[in-house]
N, C-alpha and C. Protein backbone atom coordinates (compact mmCIF):
# COMPACT_ATOMS: atom_id res chain seq x y z
N UNK A 1 177.71 48.01 36.53
CA UNK A 1 178.42 48.81 35.55
C UNK A 1 177.45 49.52 34.62
N UNK A 2 176.35 48.86 34.30
CA UNK A 2 175.36 49.48 33.42
C UNK A 2 174.72 50.70 34.08
N UNK A 3 174.45 50.60 35.39
CA UNK A 3 173.86 51.74 36.10
C UNK A 3 174.82 52.92 36.12
N UNK A 4 176.10 52.61 36.29
CA UNK A 4 177.12 53.66 36.27
C UNK A 4 177.16 54.35 34.91
N UNK A 5 177.15 53.56 33.84
CA UNK A 5 177.17 54.12 32.48
C UNK A 5 175.93 54.96 32.22
N UNK A 6 174.77 54.48 32.68
CA UNK A 6 173.53 55.25 32.49
C UNK A 6 173.55 56.56 33.25
N UNK A 7 174.12 56.56 34.46
CA UNK A 7 174.24 57.79 35.24
C UNK A 7 175.13 58.79 34.52
N UNK A 8 176.22 58.31 33.97
CA UNK A 8 177.10 59.21 33.21
C UNK A 8 176.38 59.79 32.01
N UNK A 9 175.67 58.94 31.26
CA UNK A 9 174.95 59.41 30.08
C UNK A 9 173.89 60.44 30.44
N UNK A 10 173.15 60.19 31.52
CA UNK A 10 172.08 61.12 31.90
C UNK A 10 172.62 62.48 32.32
N UNK A 11 173.89 62.54 32.72
CA UNK A 11 174.52 63.81 33.10
C UNK A 11 175.44 64.36 32.02
N UNK A 12 175.34 63.80 30.81
CA UNK A 12 176.15 64.22 29.65
C UNK A 12 177.64 64.13 29.93
N UNK A 13 178.05 63.06 30.61
CA UNK A 13 179.46 62.81 30.90
C UNK A 13 179.88 61.61 30.06
N UNK A 14 181.01 61.75 29.37
CA UNK A 14 181.47 60.68 28.50
C UNK A 14 182.75 60.08 29.04
N UNK A 15 182.80 58.74 29.07
CA UNK A 15 183.99 58.06 29.53
C UNK A 15 185.09 58.23 28.48
N UNK A 16 186.32 58.44 28.96
CA UNK A 16 187.40 58.70 28.03
C UNK A 16 188.12 57.44 27.58
N UNK A 17 188.03 56.37 28.33
CA UNK A 17 188.74 55.14 27.96
C UNK A 17 187.73 54.04 27.68
N UNK A 18 187.89 53.39 26.55
CA UNK A 18 186.97 52.31 26.20
C UNK A 18 187.65 50.96 26.19
N UNK A 19 188.87 50.90 26.66
CA UNK A 19 189.61 49.65 26.68
C UNK A 19 190.37 49.54 27.99
N UNK A 20 190.94 48.38 28.24
CA UNK A 20 191.74 48.20 29.44
C UNK A 20 193.00 49.04 29.33
N UNK A 21 193.31 49.77 30.40
CA UNK A 21 194.50 50.61 30.37
C UNK A 21 195.73 49.80 30.75
N UNK A 22 196.89 50.33 30.40
CA UNK A 22 198.15 49.70 30.78
C UNK A 22 199.13 50.79 31.18
N UNK A 23 200.32 50.39 31.55
CA UNK A 23 201.29 51.35 32.09
C UNK A 23 201.79 52.34 31.04
N UNK A 24 201.58 52.06 29.76
CA UNK A 24 202.09 52.94 28.71
C UNK A 24 201.11 54.06 28.36
N UNK A 25 199.87 53.98 28.83
CA UNK A 25 198.87 55.00 28.51
C UNK A 25 199.27 56.38 29.00
N UNK A 26 199.92 56.45 30.14
CA UNK A 26 200.23 57.72 30.77
C UNK A 26 201.69 58.12 30.57
N UNK A 27 202.43 57.36 29.79
CA UNK A 27 203.87 57.59 29.70
C UNK A 27 204.21 58.93 29.03
N UNK A 28 203.42 59.38 28.09
CA UNK A 28 203.72 60.63 27.39
C UNK A 28 203.63 61.82 28.35
N UNK A 29 202.57 61.90 29.13
CA UNK A 29 202.41 63.02 30.05
C UNK A 29 203.39 62.92 31.22
N UNK A 30 203.69 61.69 31.66
CA UNK A 30 204.69 61.51 32.72
C UNK A 30 206.05 61.99 32.24
N UNK A 31 206.38 61.69 31.00
CA UNK A 31 207.65 62.14 30.43
C UNK A 31 207.68 63.66 30.33
N UNK A 32 206.58 64.27 29.92
CA UNK A 32 206.51 65.72 29.81
C UNK A 32 206.77 66.39 31.16
N UNK A 33 206.08 65.92 32.22
CA UNK A 33 206.27 66.52 33.53
C UNK A 33 207.66 66.24 34.08
N UNK A 34 208.23 65.09 33.74
CA UNK A 34 209.59 64.79 34.18
C UNK A 34 210.59 65.75 33.57
N UNK A 35 210.46 66.03 32.28
CA UNK A 35 211.36 66.97 31.61
C UNK A 35 211.12 68.38 32.14
N UNK A 36 209.85 68.75 32.36
CA UNK A 36 209.55 70.09 32.86
C UNK A 36 210.16 70.30 34.24
N UNK A 37 210.04 69.31 35.14
CA UNK A 37 210.63 69.43 36.46
C UNK A 37 212.15 69.50 36.38
N UNK A 38 212.72 68.72 35.49
CA UNK A 38 214.17 68.72 35.35
C UNK A 38 214.68 70.08 34.89
N UNK A 39 213.97 70.70 33.95
CA UNK A 39 214.42 71.99 33.42
C UNK A 39 214.09 73.15 34.34
N UNK A 40 212.96 73.11 35.02
CA UNK A 40 212.53 74.25 35.82
C UNK A 40 212.98 74.17 37.28
N UNK A 41 212.97 72.99 37.86
CA UNK A 41 213.23 72.86 39.29
C UNK A 41 214.66 72.43 39.57
N UNK A 42 215.08 71.34 38.93
CA UNK A 42 216.39 70.79 39.23
C UNK A 42 217.53 71.60 38.61
N UNK A 43 217.23 72.48 37.68
CA UNK A 43 218.26 73.32 37.06
C UNK A 43 218.65 74.51 37.93
N UNK A 44 217.88 74.81 38.96
CA UNK A 44 218.16 75.95 39.83
C UNK A 44 219.06 75.54 40.98
N UNK A 45 219.90 76.46 41.39
CA UNK A 45 220.77 76.23 42.55
C UNK A 45 220.24 77.07 43.68
N UNK A 46 219.89 76.43 44.79
CA UNK A 46 219.40 77.11 45.97
C UNK A 46 220.50 77.10 47.03
N UNK A 47 220.71 78.26 47.62
CA UNK A 47 221.79 78.40 48.59
C UNK A 47 221.31 78.31 50.02
N UNK A 48 220.00 78.36 50.23
CA UNK A 48 219.45 78.22 51.57
C UNK A 48 218.05 77.64 51.48
N UNK A 49 217.51 77.24 52.61
CA UNK A 49 216.14 76.68 52.62
C UNK A 49 215.11 77.76 52.33
N UNK A 50 215.41 79.00 52.66
CA UNK A 50 214.46 80.09 52.44
C UNK A 50 214.23 80.37 50.95
N UNK A 51 215.28 80.16 50.14
CA UNK A 51 215.14 80.40 48.71
C UNK A 51 214.19 79.38 48.12
């Protein structure tokens, strides 16, 4: 793990998470995309496969 961290540092790459992640970390963006799909995709009525 230390070699991995040193490689990131030497390439000016910073890790974004400094703690153990859980299922709630991504819930905000998952909710955003869920609402976006609901409003943009599921709100349309398609009458054929070509549409």
